[in-house]
Amino acid sequence: MRIPVLFGAPDAGTADAWLVETGQAAPYGAYAVPLSLPVPALGHATGCACCIPLGPVAAALAAMFRARATNAAPFFTRVIVLASPAGQEAIRAALSNDVLTSARYRLDT
């Protein structure tokens, strides 16, 4: 069963992990993995597919999955995302375009 990914969650609990973009603050004491996106090239829209490679998102989500599988992190049932609009778009792109990421995670609407 794929792990749901949500953008912000007012009902977040202890069974949730957090994917937190640089500049956002994770809840105190929560299991959180940082996400740093590359700076987009000049002349392109912020968050466009050509400027934000899937690498950092896929790597962060893979690290979360690996930590969960090896008990290096608490067992989580959802991933809550704290990210800018560009970060959210990069995460959506990774979930729809990266085969391994989409095999492990799904966007929860």
N, C-alpha and C. Protein backbone atom coordinates (compact mmCIF):
# COMPACT_ATOMS: atom_id res chain seq x y z
N MET A 1 0.83 -1.17 0.00
CA MET A 1 0.00 0.00 0.00
C MET A 1 0.88 1.24 0.00
N ARG A 2 0.62 2.16 -0.92
CA ARG A 2 1.43 3.37 -1.03
C ARG A 2 1.11 4.34 0.12
N ILE A 3 2.11 5.08 0.52
CA ILE A 3 1.99 6.03 1.63
C ILE A 3 1.40 7.34 1.10
N PRO A 4 0.33 7.84 1.72
CA PRO A 4 -0.26 9.10 1.25
C PRO A 4 0.62 10.30 1.59
N VAL A 5 0.66 11.26 0.66
CA VAL A 5 1.38 12.52 0.83
C VAL A 5 0.34 13.63 0.80
N LEU A 6 0.35 14.49 1.83
CA LEU A 6 -0.61 15.60 1.92
C LEU A 6 0.13 16.92 2.02
N PHE A 7 -0.47 17.97 1.53
CA PHE A 7 0.09 19.31 1.66
C PHE A 7 -0.59 20.00 2.82
N GLY A 8 0.11 20.05 3.97
CA GLY A 8 -0.46 20.64 5.18
C GLY A 8 -1.57 19.76 5.71
N ALA A 9 -1.66 19.62 7.00
CA ALA A 9 -2.72 18.78 7.58
C ALA A 9 -3.05 19.27 8.97
N PRO A 10 -4.22 19.85 9.14
CA PRO A 10 -4.59 20.34 10.46
C PRO A 10 -4.78 19.21 11.47
N ASP A 11 -5.00 18.00 10.98
CA ASP A 11 -5.22 16.86 11.87
C ASP A 11 -3.98 15.98 12.00
N ALA A 12 -2.79 16.54 11.79
CA ALA A 12 -1.56 15.77 11.85
C ALA A 12 -1.38 15.16 13.23
N GLY A 13 -0.83 13.96 13.24
CA GLY A 13 -0.64 13.26 14.50
C GLY A 13 0.75 12.66 14.62
N THR A 14 0.93 11.84 15.61
CA THR A 14 2.24 11.25 15.88
C THR A 14 2.64 10.19 14.86
N ALA A 15 1.69 9.68 14.08
CA ALA A 15 2.00 8.67 13.07
C ALA A 15 2.35 9.31 11.73
N ASP A 16 2.59 10.61 11.71
CA ASP A 16 2.90 11.32 10.48
C ASP A 16 4.37 11.71 10.43
N ALA A 17 4.93 11.68 9.23
CA ALA A 17 6.27 12.19 8.98
C ALA A 17 6.11 13.51 8.23
N TRP A 18 7.11 14.34 8.26
CA TRP A 18 7.04 15.66 7.64
C TRP A 18 8.16 15.82 6.63
N LEU A 19 7.82 16.31 5.45
CA LEU A 19 8.80 16.69 4.43
C LEU A 19 8.77 18.21 4.42
N VAL A 20 9.88 18.83 4.82
CA VAL A 20 9.89 20.26 5.10
C VAL A 20 10.90 20.97 4.20
N GLU A 21 10.38 21.85 3.35
CA GLU A 21 11.24 22.63 2.46
C GLU A 21 12.00 23.67 3.28
N THR A 22 13.20 24.00 2.84
CA THR A 22 14.01 25.02 3.47
C THR A 22 13.18 26.30 3.63
N GLY A 23 13.22 26.87 4.83
CA GLY A 23 12.46 28.09 5.11
C GLY A 23 11.14 27.84 5.82
N GLN A 24 10.73 26.58 5.89
CA GLN A 24 9.51 26.21 6.61
C GLN A 24 9.91 25.60 7.96
N ALA A 25 9.01 25.62 8.92
CA ALA A 25 9.31 25.09 10.25
C ALA A 25 8.48 23.84 10.51
N ALA A 26 9.16 22.77 10.86
CA ALA A 26 8.48 21.52 11.21
C ALA A 26 7.96 21.60 12.64
N PRO A 27 6.91 20.87 12.94
CA PRO A 27 6.42 20.84 14.31
C PRO A 27 7.49 20.30 15.26
N TYR A 28 7.53 20.84 16.45
CA TYR A 28 8.51 20.43 17.45
C TYR A 28 8.36 18.94 17.77
N GLY A 29 9.46 18.22 17.74
CA GLY A 29 9.47 16.82 18.12
C GLY A 29 9.00 15.85 17.05
N ALA A 30 8.60 16.34 15.91
CA ALA A 30 8.10 15.47 14.84
C ALA A 30 9.27 14.91 14.03
N TYR A 31 9.07 13.75 13.42
CA TYR A 31 10.05 13.21 12.49
C TYR A 31 9.93 14.01 11.20
N ALA A 32 11.00 14.71 10.85
CA ALA A 32 10.96 15.58 9.67
C ALA A 32 12.23 15.40 8.85
N VAL A 33 12.06 15.43 7.53
CA VAL A 33 13.17 15.34 6.60
C VAL A 33 13.21 16.65 5.82
N PRO A 34 14.39 17.30 5.76
CA PRO A 34 14.48 18.56 5.02
C PRO A 34 14.51 18.35 3.51
N LEU A 35 14.03 19.34 2.80
CA LEU A 35 14.03 19.33 1.33
C LEU A 35 14.56 20.66 0.84
N SER A 36 15.64 20.63 0.07
CA SER A 36 16.20 21.83 -0.54
C SER A 36 16.08 21.71 -2.04
N LEU A 37 15.39 22.65 -2.64
CA LEU A 37 15.22 22.65 -4.10
C LEU A 37 16.26 23.55 -4.73
N PRO A 38 16.69 23.23 -5.95
CA PRO A 38 17.63 24.11 -6.65
C PRO A 38 16.96 25.43 -7.01
N VAL A 39 17.78 26.45 -7.13
CA VAL A 39 17.27 27.76 -7.53
C VAL A 39 16.96 27.71 -9.02
N PRO A 40 15.74 28.15 -9.42
CA PRO A 40 15.39 28.10 -10.84
C PRO A 40 16.26 29.05 -11.67
N ALA A 41 16.45 28.69 -12.93
CA ALA A 41 17.21 29.52 -13.84
C ALA A 41 16.45 30.81 -14.13
N LEU A 42 17.18 31.85 -14.42
CA LEU A 42 16.54 33.12 -14.76
C LEU A 42 15.77 33.00 -16.06
N GLY A 43 14.64 33.67 -16.16
CA GLY A 43 13.86 33.66 -17.38
C GLY A 43 12.79 32.60 -17.45
N HIS A 44 12.75 31.72 -16.46
CA HIS A 44 11.74 30.67 -16.45
C HIS A 44 10.78 30.90 -15.28
N ALA A 45 9.61 30.36 -15.38
CA ALA A 45 8.64 30.47 -14.30
C ALA A 45 9.13 29.67 -13.10
N THR A 46 8.88 30.17 -11.91
CA THR A 46 9.26 29.46 -10.70
C THR A 46 8.53 28.13 -10.65
N GLY A 47 9.29 27.08 -10.49
CA GLY A 47 8.69 25.76 -10.37
C GLY A 47 8.43 25.05 -11.68
N CYS A 48 8.89 25.61 -12.80
CA CYS A 48 8.64 24.93 -14.07
C CYS A 48 9.44 23.62 -14.13
N ALA A 49 8.97 22.68 -14.89
CA ALA A 49 9.55 21.34 -14.93
C ALA A 49 11.00 21.33 -15.37
N CYS A 50 11.41 22.26 -16.23
CA CYS A 50 12.79 22.25 -16.71
C CYS A 50 13.77 22.78 -15.67
N CYS A 51 13.27 23.53 -14.69
CA CYS A 51 14.17 24.15 -13.70
C CYS A 51 14.23 23.40 -12.38
N ILE A 52 13.28 22.55 -12.13
CA ILE A 52 13.28 21.81 -10.87
C ILE A 52 13.36 20.33 -11.18
N PRO A 53 14.57 19.79 -11.11
CA PRO A 53 14.70 18.36 -11.38
C PRO A 53 14.04 17.55 -10.26
N LEU A 54 13.71 16.33 -10.57
CA LEU A 54 13.05 15.48 -9.59
C LEU A 54 14.02 14.96 -8.53
N GLY A 55 15.30 15.11 -8.76
CA GLY A 55 16.30 14.55 -7.86
C GLY A 55 16.12 14.82 -6.38
N PRO A 56 16.06 16.08 -5.93
CA PRO A 56 15.98 16.33 -4.49
C PRO A 56 14.71 15.78 -3.84
N VAL A 57 13.60 15.85 -4.53
CA VAL A 57 12.35 15.32 -3.98
C VAL A 57 12.41 13.81 -3.88
N ALA A 58 12.80 13.17 -4.97
CA ALA A 58 12.90 11.72 -4.97
C ALA A 58 13.90 11.24 -3.92
N ALA A 59 15.01 11.94 -3.76
CA ALA A 59 16.01 11.56 -2.77
C ALA A 59 15.47 11.71 -1.35
N ALA A 60 14.77 12.78 -1.06
CA ALA A 60 14.22 13.00 0.28
C ALA A 60 13.17 11.94 0.61
N LEU A 61 12.28 11.67 -0.35
CA LEU A 61 11.24 10.66 -0.10
C LEU A 61 11.84 9.26 0.01
N ALA A 62 12.88 8.98 -0.77
CA ALA A 62 13.56 7.68 -0.67
C ALA A 62 14.22 7.53 0.69
N ALA A 63 14.85 8.61 1.19
CA ALA A 63 15.47 8.56 2.51
C ALA A 63 14.43 8.31 3.60
N MET A 64 13.27 8.93 3.46
CA MET A 64 12.19 8.71 4.44
C MET A 64 11.74 7.25 4.41
N PHE A 65 11.56 6.72 3.22
CA PHE A 65 11.10 5.34 3.08
C PHE A 65 12.12 4.36 3.65
N ARG A 66 13.39 4.60 3.35
CA ARG A 66 14.47 3.74 3.83
C ARG A 66 14.55 3.79 5.36
N ALA A 67 14.43 4.99 5.93
CA ALA A 67 14.48 5.13 7.39
C ALA A 67 13.30 4.41 8.05
N ARG A 68 12.16 4.48 7.43
CA ARG A 68 10.96 3.79 7.94
C ARG A 68 11.16 2.27 7.89
N ALA A 69 11.70 1.78 6.78
CA ALA A 69 11.88 0.34 6.59
C ALA A 69 12.94 -0.25 7.51
N THR A 70 13.93 0.53 7.89
CA THR A 70 15.02 0.03 8.73
C THR A 70 14.86 0.41 10.20
N ASN A 71 13.72 0.97 10.56
CA ASN A 71 13.45 1.41 11.93
C ASN A 71 14.37 2.53 12.40
N ALA A 72 14.97 3.26 11.47
CA ALA A 72 15.78 4.41 11.83
C ALA A 72 14.90 5.62 12.11
N ALA A 73 13.63 5.52 11.73
CA ALA A 73 12.63 6.57 11.97
C ALA A 73 11.39 5.90 12.53
N PRO A 74 10.56 6.67 13.20
CA PRO A 74 9.30 6.09 13.66
C PRO A 74 8.47 5.62 12.46
N PHE A 75 7.69 4.57 12.65
CA PHE A 75 6.82 4.09 11.58
C PHE A 75 5.75 5.15 11.34
N PHE A 76 5.68 5.64 10.11
CA PHE A 76 4.69 6.67 9.79
C PHE A 76 3.71 6.15 8.75
N THR A 77 2.51 6.70 8.81
CA THR A 77 1.45 6.26 7.90
C THR A 77 1.12 7.31 6.85
N ARG A 78 1.61 8.54 7.04
CA ARG A 78 1.40 9.62 6.07
C ARG A 78 2.63 10.52 6.07
N VAL A 79 2.78 11.26 4.97
CA VAL A 79 3.80 12.29 4.89
C VAL A 79 3.08 13.62 4.70
N ILE A 80 3.37 14.55 5.59
CA ILE A 80 2.80 15.90 5.52
C ILE A 80 3.88 16.81 4.94
N VAL A 81 3.51 17.59 3.95
CA VAL A 81 4.47 18.46 3.27
C VAL A 81 4.26 19.92 3.69
N LEU A 82 5.36 20.56 4.05
CA LEU A 82 5.38 22.00 4.29
C LEU A 82 6.31 22.59 3.24
N ALA A 83 5.73 23.22 2.22
CA ALA A 83 6.55 23.69 1.11
C ALA A 83 5.90 24.89 0.44
N SER A 84 6.72 25.63 -0.27
CA SER A 84 6.27 26.76 -1.09
C SER A 84 5.47 26.21 -2.27
N PRO A 85 4.79 27.08 -3.02
CA PRO A 85 4.11 26.59 -4.22
C PRO A 85 5.06 25.88 -5.20
N ALA A 86 6.27 26.39 -5.35
CA ALA A 86 7.25 25.74 -6.23
C ALA A 86 7.64 24.37 -5.68
N GLY A 87 7.80 24.28 -4.36
CA GLY A 87 8.12 23.00 -3.73
C GLY A 87 6.99 22.00 -3.88
N GLN A 88 5.76 22.47 -3.73
CA GLN A 88 4.61 21.60 -3.90
C GLN A 88 4.54 21.07 -5.33
N GLU A 89 4.82 21.94 -6.29
CA GLU A 89 4.80 21.52 -7.70
C GLU A 89 5.89 20.49 -7.97
N ALA A 90 7.07 20.67 -7.37
CA ALA A 90 8.16 19.71 -7.55
C ALA A 90 7.78 18.35 -6.96
N ILE A 91 7.08 18.36 -5.84
CA ILE A 91 6.65 17.11 -5.21
C ILE A 91 5.58 16.43 -6.06
N ARG A 92 4.64 17.20 -6.57
CA ARG A 92 3.63 16.63 -7.48
C ARG A 92 4.28 16.00 -8.70
N ALA A 93 5.28 16.70 -9.25
CA ALA A 93 5.98 16.19 -10.43
C ALA A 93 6.69 14.88 -10.11
N ALA A 94 7.35 14.81 -8.96
CA ALA A 94 8.05 13.58 -8.58
C ALA A 94 7.07 12.43 -8.39
N LEU A 95 5.93 12.72 -7.80
CA LEU A 95 4.94 11.67 -7.56
C LEU A 95 4.30 11.17 -8.85
N SER A 96 4.26 12.02 -9.86
CA SER A 96 3.65 11.57 -11.11
C SER A 96 4.69 11.09 -12.14
N ASN A 97 5.94 11.54 -12.05
CA ASN A 97 6.92 11.22 -13.08
C ASN A 97 8.02 10.25 -12.66
N ASP A 98 8.28 10.11 -11.37
CA ASP A 98 9.34 9.24 -10.91
C ASP A 98 8.74 7.88 -10.54
N VAL A 99 9.16 6.84 -11.23
CA VAL A 99 8.55 5.52 -11.09
C VAL A 99 8.70 4.98 -9.66
N LEU A 100 9.88 5.03 -9.10
CA LEU A 100 10.10 4.48 -7.76
C LEU A 100 9.36 5.29 -6.70
N THR A 101 9.39 6.60 -6.82
CA THR A 101 8.67 7.45 -5.87
C THR A 101 7.17 7.17 -5.92
N SER A 102 6.63 7.08 -7.12
CA SER A 102 5.19 6.83 -7.23
C SER A 102 4.79 5.41 -6.84
N ALA A 103 5.76 4.49 -6.82
CA ALA A 103 5.46 3.13 -6.34
C ALA A 103 5.36 3.09 -4.82
N ARG A 104 6.00 4.04 -4.15
CA ARG A 104 6.02 4.06 -2.69
C ARG A 104 4.99 5.04 -2.10
N TYR A 105 4.75 6.12 -2.81
CA TYR A 105 3.91 7.21 -2.30
C TYR A 105 2.80 7.55 -3.28
N ARG A 106 1.73 8.15 -2.74
CA ARG A 106 0.64 8.64 -3.59
C ARG A 106 0.18 9.98 -3.04
N LEU A 107 -0.25 10.84 -3.94
CA LEU A 107 -0.78 12.15 -3.55
C LEU A 107 -2.17 11.93 -2.99
N ASP A 108 -2.39 12.41 -1.78
CA ASP A 108 -3.70 12.27 -1.13
C ASP A 108 -4.45 13.59 -1.33
N THR A 109 -5.62 13.50 -1.90
CA THR A 109 -6.38 14.72 -2.17
C THR A 109 -7.43 14.97 -1.12
